[in-house]
PDB file of N, CA and C in Angstrom:
ATOM      1  N   UNK A   1       0.841  -1.180   0.000  1.00  0.00           N
ATOM      2  CA  UNK A   1       0.000   0.000   0.000  1.00  0.00           C
ATOM      3  C   UNK A   1       0.879   1.234   0.000  1.00  0.00           C
ATOM      4  N   UNK A   2       1.017   1.822  -1.137  1.00  0.00           N
ATOM      5  CA  UNK A   2       1.835   3.013  -1.219  1.00  0.00           C
ATOM      6  C   UNK A   2       1.005   4.234  -0.879  1.00  0.00           C
ATOM      7  N   UNK A   3       1.660   5.245  -0.341  1.00  0.00           N
ATOM      8  CA  UNK A   3       1.001   6.491  -0.027  1.00  0.00           C
ATOM      9  C   UNK A   3       0.282   6.494   1.314  1.00  0.00           C
ATOM     10  N   UNK A   4       0.329   5.398   2.038  1.00  0.00           N
ATOM     11  CA  UNK A   4      -0.332   5.322   3.334  1.00  0.00           C
ATOM     12  C   UNK A   4       0.706   5.560   4.422  1.00  0.00           C
ATOM     13  N   UNK A   5       0.419   6.514   5.282  1.00  0.00           N
ATOM     14  CA  UNK A   5       1.331   6.828   6.373  1.00  0.00           C
ATOM     15  C   UNK A   5       1.063   5.910   7.546  1.00  0.00           C
ATOM     16  N   UNK A   6       2.100   5.338   8.091  1.00  0.00           N
ATOM     17  CA  UNK A   6       1.973   4.515   9.282  1.00  0.00           C
ATOM     18  C   UNK A   6       2.619   5.233  10.451  1.00  0.00           C
ATOM     19  N   UNK A   7       2.037   6.358  10.835  1.00  0.00           N
ATOM     20  CA  UNK A   7       2.578   7.085  11.976  1.00  0.00           C
ATOM     21  C   UNK A   7       1.683   6.826  13.178  1.00  0.00           C
ATOM     22  N   UNK A   8       2.311   6.747  14.293  1.00  0.00           N
ATOM     23  CA  UNK A   8       1.582   6.468  15.520  1.00  0.00           C
ATOM     24  C   UNK A   8       1.654   7.703  16.409  1.00  0.00           C
ATOM     25  N   UNK A   9       0.537   8.049  17.017  1.00  0.00           N
ATOM     26  CA  UNK A   9       0.519   9.194  17.913  1.00  0.00           C
ATOM     27  C   UNK A   9       1.275   8.830  19.186  1.00  0.00           C
ATOM     28  N   UNK A  10       2.321   9.576  19.475  1.00  0.00           N
ATOM     29  CA  UNK A  10       3.096   9.315  20.686  1.00  0.00           C
ATOM     30  C   UNK A  10       3.309  10.622  21.443  1.00  0.00           C
ATOM     31  N   UNK A  11       3.451  10.498  22.736  1.00  0.00           N
ATOM     32  CA  UNK A  11       3.783  11.652  23.570  1.00  0.00           C
ATOM     33  C   UNK A  11       4.892  11.240  24.522  1.00  0.00           C
ATOM     34  N   UNK A  12       5.662  12.217  24.943  1.00  0.00           N
ATOM     35  CA  UNK A  12       6.734  11.965  25.900  1.00  0.00           C
ATOM     36  C   UNK A  12       6.242  12.463  27.256  1.00  0.00           C
ATOM     37  N   UNK A  13       6.301  11.604  28.253  1.00  0.00           N
ATOM     38  CA  UNK A  13       5.809  11.935  29.580  1.00  0.00           C
ATOM     39  C   UNK A  13       6.997  12.099  30.520  1.00  0.00           C
ATOM     40  N   UNK A  14       7.073  13.267  31.148  1.00  0.00           N
ATOM     41  CA  UNK A  14       8.112  13.491  32.152  1.00  0.00           C
ATOM     42  C   UNK A  14       7.714  12.790  33.447  1.00  0.00           C
ATOM     43  N   UNK A  15       8.713  12.490  34.261  1.00  0.00           N
ATOM     44  CA  UNK A  15       8.422  11.819  35.525  1.00  0.00           C
ATOM     45  C   UNK A  15       7.640  12.717  36.474  1.00  0.00           C
ATOM     46  N   UNK A  16       7.826  14.028  36.347  1.00  0.00           N
ATOM     47  CA  UNK A  16       7.131  14.948  37.249  1.00  0.00           C
ATOM     48  C   UNK A  16       5.716  15.279  36.764  1.00  0.00           C
ATOM     49  N   UNK A  17       5.362  14.859  35.549  1.00  0.00           N
ATOM     50  CA  UNK A  17       4.045  15.166  34.980  1.00  0.00           C
ATOM     51  C   UNK A  17       2.992  14.179  35.478  1.00  0.00           C
ATOM     52  N   UNK A  18       1.835  14.698  35.775  1.00  0.00           N
ATOM     53  CA  UNK A  18       0.728  13.847  36.216  1.00  0.00           C
ATOM     54  C   UNK A  18       0.218  13.018  35.037  1.00  0.00           C
ATOM     55  N   UNK A  19      -0.204  11.801  35.331  1.00  0.00           N
ATOM     56  CA  UNK A  19      -0.690  10.891  34.296  1.00  0.00           C
ATOM     57  C   UNK A  19      -1.942  11.439  33.613  1.00  0.00           C
ATOM     58  N   UNK A  20      -2.843  12.044  34.390  1.00  0.00           N
ATOM     59  CA  UNK A  20      -4.084  12.580  33.822  1.00  0.00           C
ATOM     60  C   UNK A  20      -3.793  13.655  32.783  1.00  0.00           C
ATOM     61  N   UNK A  21      -2.791  14.486  33.062  1.00  0.00           N
ATOM     62  CA  UNK A  21      -2.421  15.556  32.139  1.00  0.00           C
ATOM     63  C   UNK A  21      -1.851  14.966  30.843  1.00  0.00           C
ATOM     64  N   UNK A  22      -1.044  13.926  30.969  1.00  0.00           N
ATOM     65  CA  UNK A  22      -0.468  13.271  29.797  1.00  0.00           C
ATOM     66  C   UNK A  22      -1.565  12.613  28.952  1.00  0.00           C
ATOM     67  N   UNK A  23      -2.539  12.013  29.605  1.00  0.00           N
ATOM     68  CA  UNK A  23      -3.641  11.383  28.874  1.00  0.00           C
ATOM     69  C   UNK A  23      -4.447  12.437  28.120  1.00  0.00           C
ATOM     70  N   UNK A  24      -4.679  13.595  28.745  1.00  0.00           N
ATOM     71  CA  UNK A  24      -5.397  14.673  28.074  1.00  0.00           C
ATOM     72  C   UNK A  24      -4.631  15.143  26.841  1.00  0.00           C
ATOM     73  N   UNK A  25      -3.303  15.278  26.971  1.00  0.00           N
ATOM     74  CA  UNK A  25      -2.489  15.678  25.816  1.00  0.00           C
ATOM     75  C   UNK A  25      -2.593  14.660  24.699  1.00  0.00           C
ATOM     76  N   UNK A  26      -2.559  13.377  25.063  1.00  0.00           N
ATOM     77  CA  UNK A  26      -2.655  12.312  24.075  1.00  0.00           C
ATOM     78  C   UNK A  26      -3.999  12.354  23.367  1.00  0.00           C
ATOM     79  N   UNK A  27      -5.076  12.524  24.124  1.00  0.00           N
ATOM     80  CA  UNK A  27      -6.413  12.592  23.529  1.00  0.00           C
ATOM     81  C   UNK A  27      -6.528  13.765  22.568  1.00  0.00           C
ATOM     82  N   UNK A  28      -5.969  14.921  22.974  1.00  0.00           N
ATOM     83  CA  UNK A  28      -5.991  16.099  22.098  1.00  0.00           C
ATOM     84  C   UNK A  28      -5.248  15.826  20.801  1.00  0.00           C
ATOM     85  N   UNK A  29      -4.091  15.158  20.896  1.00  0.00           N
ATOM     86  CA  UNK A  29      -3.283  14.856  19.724  1.00  0.00           C
ATOM     87  C   UNK A  29      -4.034  13.909  18.783  1.00  0.00           C
ATOM     88  N   UNK A  30      -4.653  12.898  19.345  1.00  0.00           N
ATOM     89  CA  UNK A  30      -5.400  11.932  18.537  1.00  0.00           C
ATOM     90  C   UNK A  30      -6.562  12.633  17.833  1.00  0.00           C
ATOM     91  N   UNK A  31      -7.256  13.513  18.553  1.00  0.00           N
ATOM     92  CA  UNK A  31      -8.378  14.255  17.973  1.00  0.00           C
ATOM     93  C   UNK A  31      -7.888  15.174  16.847  1.00  0.00           C
ATOM     94  N   UNK A  32      -6.774  15.855  17.100  1.00  0.00           N
ATOM     95  CA  UNK A  32      -6.223  16.798  16.121  1.00  0.00           C
ATOM     96  C   UNK A  32      -5.800  16.081  14.845  1.00  0.00           C
ATOM     97  N   UNK A  33      -5.200  14.905  14.971  1.00  0.00           N
ATOM     98  CA  UNK A  33      -4.737  14.160  13.812  1.00  0.00           C
ATOM     99  C   UNK A  33      -5.863  13.419  13.100  1.00  0.00           C
ATOM    100  N   UNK A  34      -7.038  13.344  13.720  1.00  0.00           N
ATOM    101  CA  UNK A  34      -8.185  12.706  13.087  1.00  0.00           C
ATOM    102  C   UNK A  34      -8.087  11.196  13.029  1.00  0.00           C
ATOM    103  N   UNK A  35      -7.398  10.602  13.968  1.00  0.00           N
ATOM    104  CA  UNK A  35      -7.185   9.152  13.958  1.00  0.00           C
ATOM    105  C   UNK A  35      -8.500   8.410  14.186  1.00  0.00           C
ATOM    106  N   UNK A  36      -9.293   8.865  15.137  1.00  0.00           N
ATOM    107  CA  UNK A  36     -10.567   8.195  15.440  1.00  0.00           C
ATOM    108  C   UNK A  36     -11.513   8.304  14.244  1.00  0.00           C
ATOM    109  N   UNK A  37     -11.580   9.493  13.658  1.00  0.00           N
ATOM    110  CA  UNK A  37     -12.452   9.705  12.494  1.00  0.00           C
ATOM    111  C   UNK A  37     -12.051   8.789  11.346  1.00  0.00           C
ATOM    112  N   UNK A  38     -10.742   8.681  11.107  1.00  0.00           N
ATOM    113  CA  UNK A  38     -10.232   7.821  10.042  1.00  0.00           C
ATOM    114  C   UNK A  38     -10.543   6.355  10.337  1.00  0.00           C
ATOM    115  N   UNK A  39     -10.407   5.952  11.576  1.00  0.00           N
ATOM    116  CA  UNK A  39     -10.703   4.573  11.953  1.00  0.00           C
ATOM    117  C   UNK A  39     -12.162   4.236  11.696  1.00  0.00           C
ATOM    118  N   UNK A  40     -13.053   5.133  12.101  1.00  0.00           N
ATOM    119  CA  UNK A  40     -14.480   4.887  11.905  1.00  0.00           C
ATOM    120  C   UNK A  40     -14.825   4.837  10.427  1.00  0.00           C
ATOM    121  N   UNK A  41     -14.144   5.659   9.631  1.00  0.00           N
ATOM    122  CA  UNK A  41     -14.404   5.677   8.190  1.00  0.00           C
ATOM    123  C   UNK A  41     -13.972   4.363   7.540  1.00  0.00           C
ATOM    124  N   UNK A  42     -12.901   3.777   8.027  1.00  0.00           N
ATOM    125  CA  UNK A  42     -12.364   2.556   7.441  1.00  0.00           C
ATOM    126  C   UNK A  42     -12.813   1.289   8.178  1.00  0.00           C
ATOM    127  N   UNK A  43     -13.733   1.433   9.098  1.00  0.00           N
ATOM    128  CA  UNK A  43     -14.160   0.302   9.912  1.00  0.00           C
ATOM    129  C   UNK A  43     -14.740  -0.832   9.059  1.00  0.00           C
ATOM    130  N   UNK A  44     -15.455  -0.462   8.015  1.00  0.00           N
ATOM    131  CA  UNK A  44     -15.984  -1.470   7.104  1.00  0.00           C
ATOM    132  C   UNK A  44     -15.972  -0.905   5.692  1.00  0.00           C
ATOM    133  N   UNK A  45     -15.938  -1.784   4.709  1.00  0.00           N
ATOM    134  CA  UNK A  45     -15.841  -1.377   3.315  1.00  0.00           C
ATOM    135  C   UNK A  45     -17.211  -1.007   2.779  1.00  0.00           C
ATOM    136  N   UNK A  46     -17.280   0.130   2.094  1.00  0.00           N
ATOM    137  CA  UNK A  46     -18.504   0.554   1.426  1.00  0.00           C
ATOM    138  C   UNK A  46     -18.211   0.596  -0.068  1.00  0.00           C
ATOM    139  N   UNK A  47     -19.020  -0.118  -0.830  1.00  0.00           N
ATOM    140  CA  UNK A  47     -18.815  -0.130  -2.275  1.00  0.00           C
ATOM    141  C   UNK A  47     -18.966   1.287  -2.821  1.00  0.00           C
ATOM    142  N   UNK A  48     -18.192   1.646  -3.831  1.00  0.00           N
ATOM    143  CA  UNK A  48     -18.291   2.995  -4.391  1.00  0.00           C
ATOM    144  C   UNK A  48     -19.704   3.350  -4.848  1.00  0.00           C
ATOM    145  N   UNK A  49     -20.427   2.384  -5.412  1.00  0.00           N
ATOM    146  CA  UNK A  49     -21.790   2.670  -5.861  1.00  0.00           C
ATOM    147  C   UNK A  49     -22.693   2.969  -4.671  1.00  0.00           C
ATOM    148  N   UNK A  50     -22.497   2.263  -3.562  1.00  0.00           N
ATOM    149  CA  UNK A  50     -23.299   2.501  -2.367  1.00  0.00           C
ATOM    150  C   UNK A  50     -22.962   3.860  -1.761  1.00  0.00           C
ATOM    151  N   UNK A  51     -21.688   4.229  -1.779  1.00  0.00           N
ATOM    152  CA  UNK A  51     -21.273   5.533  -1.250  1.00  0.00           C
ATOM    153  C   UNK A  51     -21.881   6.658  -2.083  1.00  0.00           C
ATOM    154  N   UNK A  52     -21.896   6.483  -3.404  1.00  0.00           N
ATOM    155  CA  UNK A  52     -22.475   7.486  -4.295  1.00  0.00           C
ATOM    156  C   UNK A  52     -23.973   7.604  -4.036  1.00  0.00           C
ATOM    157  N   UNK A  53     -24.636   6.476  -3.872  1.00  0.00           N
ATOM    158  CA  UNK A  53     -26.079   6.480  -3.591  1.00  0.00           C
ATOM    159  C   UNK A  53     -26.360   7.196  -2.278  1.00  0.00           C
ATOM    160  N   UNK A  54     -25.543   6.939  -1.271  1.00  0.00           N
ATOM    161  CA  UNK A  54     -25.725   7.572   0.033  1.00  0.00           C
ATOM    162  C   UNK A  54     -25.529   9.085  -0.069  1.00  0.00           C
ATOM    163  N   UNK A  55     -24.513   9.512  -0.819  1.00  0.00           N
ATOM    164  CA  UNK A  55     -24.268  10.946  -1.007  1.00  0.00           C
ATOM    165  C   UNK A  55     -25.462  11.604  -1.696  1.00  0.00           C
ATOM    166  N   UNK A  56     -25.978  10.928  -2.717  1.00  0.00           N
ATOM    167  CA  UNK A  56     -27.096  11.461  -3.482  1.00  0.00           C
ATOM    168  C   UNK A  56     -28.345  11.621  -2.615  1.00  0.00           C
ATOM    169  N   UNK A  57     -28.655  10.599  -1.826  1.00  0.00           N
ATOM    170  CA  UNK A  57     -29.851  10.673  -0.979  1.00  0.00           C
ATOM    171  C   UNK A  57     -29.686  11.723   0.119  1.00  0.00           C
ATOM    172  N   UNK A  58     -28.480  11.868   0.643  1.00  0.00           N
ATOM    173  CA  UNK A  58     -28.221  12.899   1.654  1.00  0.00           C
ATOM    174  C   UNK A  58     -28.434  14.285   1.061  1.00  0.00           C
ATOM    175  N   UNK A  59     -27.925  14.504  -0.147  1.00  0.00           N
ATOM    176  CA  UNK A  59     -28.079  15.794  -0.820  1.00  0.00           C
ATOM    177  C   UNK A  59     -29.552  16.079  -1.089  1.00  0.00           C
ATOM    178  N   UNK A  60     -30.288  15.075  -1.559  1.00  0.00           N
ATOM    179  CA  UNK A  60     -31.718  15.262  -1.818  1.00  0.00           C
ATOM    180  C   UNK A  60     -32.460  15.625  -0.543  1.00  0.00           C
ATOM    181  N   UNK A  61     -32.142  14.948   0.556  1.00  0.00           N
ATOM    182  CA  UNK A  61     -32.797  15.222   1.829  1.00  0.00           C
ATOM    183  C   UNK A  61     -32.503  16.652   2.300  1.00  0.00           C
ATOM    184  N   UNK A  62     -31.255  17.091   2.139  1.00  0.00           N
ATOM    185  CA  UNK A  62     -30.889  18.451   2.537  1.00  0.00           C
ATOM    186  C   UNK A  62     -31.643  19.484   1.714  1.00  0.00           C
ATOM    187  N   UNK A  63     -31.726  19.249   0.401  1.00  0.00           N
ATOM    188  CA  UNK A  63     -32.427  20.186  -0.473  1.00  0.00           C
ATOM    189  C   UNK A  63     -33.913  20.243  -0.139  1.00  0.00           C
ATOM    190  N   UNK A  64     -34.514  19.085   0.162  1.00  0.00           N
ATOM    191  CA  UNK A  64     -35.920  19.035   0.540  1.00  0.00           C
ATOM    192  C   UNK A  64     -36.154  19.817   1.832  1.00  0.00           C
ATOM    193  N   UNK A  65     -35.265  19.652   2.795  1.00  0.00           N
ATOM    194  CA  UNK A  65     -35.396  20.388   4.058  1.00  0.00           C
ATOM    195  C   UNK A  65     -35.264  21.890   3.840  1.00  0.00           C
ATOM    196  N   UNK A  66     -34.359  22.291   2.940  1.00  0.00           N
ATOM    197  CA  UNK A  66     -34.197  23.714   2.639  1.00  0.00           C
ATOM    198  C   UNK A  66     -35.475  24.278   2.031  1.00  0.00           C
ATOM    199  N   UNK A  67     -36.066  23.517   1.088  1.00  0.00           N
ATOM    200  CA  UNK A  67     -37.309  23.965   0.448  1.00  0.00           C
ATOM    201  C   UNK A  67     -38.428  24.092   1.472  1.00  0.00           C
ATOM    202  N   UNK A  68     -38.536  23.098   2.357  1.00  0.00           N
ATOM    203  CA  UNK A  68     -39.572  23.148   3.382  1.00  0.00           C
ATOM    204  C   UNK A  68     -39.388  24.342   4.305  1.00  0.00           C
ATOM    205  N   UNK A  69     -38.147  24.611   4.659  1.00  0.00           N
ATOM    206  CA  UNK A  69     -37.844  25.737   5.530  1.00  0.00           C
ATOM    207  C   UNK A  69     -38.202  27.061   4.844  1.00  0.00           C
ATOM    208  N   UNK A  70     -37.880  27.170   3.553  1.00  0.00           N
ATOM    209  CA  UNK A  70     -38.190  28.377   2.795  1.00  0.00           C
ATOM    210  C   UNK A  70     -39.695  28.561   2.676  1.00  0.00           C
ATOM    211  N   UNK A  71     -40.446  27.471   2.498  1.00  0.00           N
ATOM    212  CA  UNK A  71     -41.898  27.555   2.393  1.00  0.00           C
ATOM    213  C   UNK A  71     -42.512  28.017   3.711  1.00  0.00           C
ATOM    214  N   UNK A  72     -41.978  27.554   4.830  1.00  0.00           N
ATOM    215  CA  UNK A  72     -42.487  27.965   6.135  1.00  0.00           C
ATOM    216  C   UNK A  72     -42.225  29.441   6.384  1.00  0.00           C
ATOM    217  N   UNK A  73     -41.115  29.945   5.856  1.00  0.00           N
ATOM    218  CA  UNK A  73     -40.768  31.360   6.023  1.00  0.00           C
ATOM    219  C   UNK A  73     -41.766  32.263   5.304  1.00  0.00           C
ATOM    220  N   UNK A  74     -42.242  31.792   4.165  1.00  0.00           N
ATOM    221  CA  UNK A  74     -43.153  32.592   3.349  1.00  0.00           C
ATOM    222  C   UNK A  74     -44.490  32.849   4.033  1.00  0.00           C
ATOM    223  N   UNK A  75     -44.903  31.982   4.913  1.00  0.00           N
ATOM    224  CA  UNK A  75     -46.213  32.143   5.567  1.00  0.00           C
ATOM    225  C   UNK A  75     -46.212  33.220   6.565  1.00  0.00           C
TER     226      UNK A  75
END
């Protein structure tokens, strides 16, 4: 698999640093790098046709909601 980065989020903990503080730093780093989001995205395989269908239905639903909202404003 070319082009895939295999970097691991690591932090250096000093002996005088509290464990809770180090865990908070680690969580912030993981959130910033988007590791959890990437994991959830790759948790299972979605066929490209299914992904396209899902995008299309999401867009249609958003447009329908916008139209409904605009119609309610007119009253």
